[in-house]
C-alpha cells in the first residue's frame, strides 16, 4: 500500500479493488478505516486518524515523495522478485 493512498484516505474515501481507505469523524476523535479484501478473506482495520496523519507526515519528512527507492539504495524489484519467486 502506498503512502499516497493513505494520504488521500485521510481526506476522502480512496482506493480501489482490494484496498480502500476512508476517514470518519473530525478533530482528535477522527478515525481512519482501512479495508483489505484480497481473495480468501478480508480485514477492516481502524486507527486514530491524527496518529496516522502524524506518522505519515513524518515519513514524508524523512523520505520525500517519489524518492522511496532512492532512499532504500537497493534493487527493490530484484528483492521483490526473489521474495515472491525464490532465489534463482
Protein backbone atom coordinates (compact mmCIF):
# COMPACT_ATOMS: atom_id res chain seq x y z
CA UNK A 1 0.00 0.00 0.00
CA UNK A 2 1.39 3.37 -0.93
CA UNK A 3 1.79 6.37 1.29
CA UNK A 4 -0.07 8.33 -1.38
CA UNK A 5 -3.16 6.16 -0.87
CA UNK A 6 -3.03 6.69 2.89
CA UNK A 7 -2.55 10.43 2.42
CA UNK A 8 -5.58 10.67 0.11
CA UNK A 9 -7.56 8.48 2.52
CA UNK A 10 -7.01 10.97 5.34
CA UNK A 11 -9.27 13.41 3.48
CA UNK A 12 -11.75 11.35 1.48
CA UNK A 13 -12.61 7.77 0.52
CA UNK A 14 -9.76 6.43 -1.61
CA UNK A 15 -8.54 3.24 -3.17
CA UNK A 16 -9.95 0.62 -5.46
CA UNK A 17 -10.09 -3.13 -5.62
CA UNK A 18 -8.55 -4.91 -2.65
CA UNK A 19 -7.56 -1.80 -0.64
CA UNK A 20 -9.85 1.03 0.41
CA UNK A 21 -9.19 3.82 2.92
CA UNK A 22 -11.60 6.44 4.30
CA UNK A 23 -11.90 8.87 7.21
CA UNK A 24 -14.76 9.25 9.67
CA UNK A 25 -15.32 11.89 12.30
CA UNK A 26 -13.42 15.10 12.88
CA UNK A 27 -10.79 16.52 15.17
CA UNK A 28 -8.91 14.41 17.70
CA UNK A 29 -11.61 11.71 17.65
CA UNK A 30 -11.41 11.16 13.86
CA UNK A 31 -10.76 7.62 12.66
CA UNK A 32 -9.11 6.18 9.59
CA UNK A 33 -10.61 2.99 8.19
CA UNK A 34 -8.61 0.56 6.10
CA UNK A 35 -10.44 -2.29 4.39
CA UNK A 36 -8.46 -5.10 2.80
CA UNK A 37 -10.39 -7.58 0.66
CA UNK A 38 -7.95 -9.93 -1.04
CA UNK A 39 -9.20 -13.25 -2.35
CA UNK A 40 -9.88 -15.59 0.53
CA UNK A 41 -10.77 -13.14 3.29
CA UNK A 42 -10.98 -9.58 4.45
CA UNK A 43 -9.89 -7.26 7.25
CA UNK A 44 -11.30 -3.94 8.43
CA UNK A 45 -8.72 -2.01 10.43
CA UNK A 46 -9.45 1.22 12.30
CA UNK A 47 -6.86 3.65 13.66
CA UNK A 48 -6.83 7.11 15.19
CA UNK A 49 -6.61 9.41 12.17
CA UNK A 50 -4.45 12.06 13.89
CA UNK A 51 -1.87 9.41 14.84
CA UNK A 52 -1.73 8.01 11.29
CA UNK A 53 -1.51 11.53 9.88
CA UNK A 54 1.38 12.39 12.20
CA UNK A 55 3.24 9.18 11.34
CA UNK A 56 2.62 9.61 7.61
CA UNK A 57 3.78 13.23 7.52
CA UNK A 58 6.91 12.21 9.43
CA UNK A 59 7.67 9.56 6.78
CA UNK A 60 7.44 12.26 4.09
CA UNK A 61 9.89 14.40 6.07
CA UNK A 62 12.33 11.51 6.23
CA UNK A 63 11.82 10.31 2.64
CA UNK A 64 10.16 12.75 0.24
CA UNK A 65 7.51 11.55 -2.20
CA UNK A 66 8.82 9.67 -5.26
CA UNK A 67 12.21 9.09 -3.60
CA UNK A 68 11.39 5.84 -1.79
CA UNK A 69 13.52 3.58 -3.98
CA UNK A 70 16.38 6.10 -3.99
CA UNK A 71 16.32 6.19 -0.19
CA UNK A 72 16.46 2.40 0.01
CA UNK A 73 19.55 2.34 -2.17
CA UNK A 74 18.82 -1.16 -3.39
CA UNK A 75 17.25 -3.10 -6.20
CA UNK A 76 13.67 -3.15 -4.91
CA UNK A 77 12.31 -5.00 -7.94
CA UNK A 78 15.01 -7.65 -7.63
CA UNK A 79 14.35 -8.16 -3.93
CA UNK A 80 10.61 -8.39 -4.52
CA UNK A 81 11.13 -10.92 -7.33
CA UNK A 82 13.35 -13.08 -5.08
CA UNK A 83 10.84 -12.82 -2.24
CA UNK A 84 7.93 -13.89 -4.45
CA UNK A 85 9.70 -16.43 -6.64
CA UNK A 86 12.62 -17.66 -4.54
CA UNK A 87 16.31 -17.44 -5.37
CA UNK A 88 17.36 -18.04 -8.99
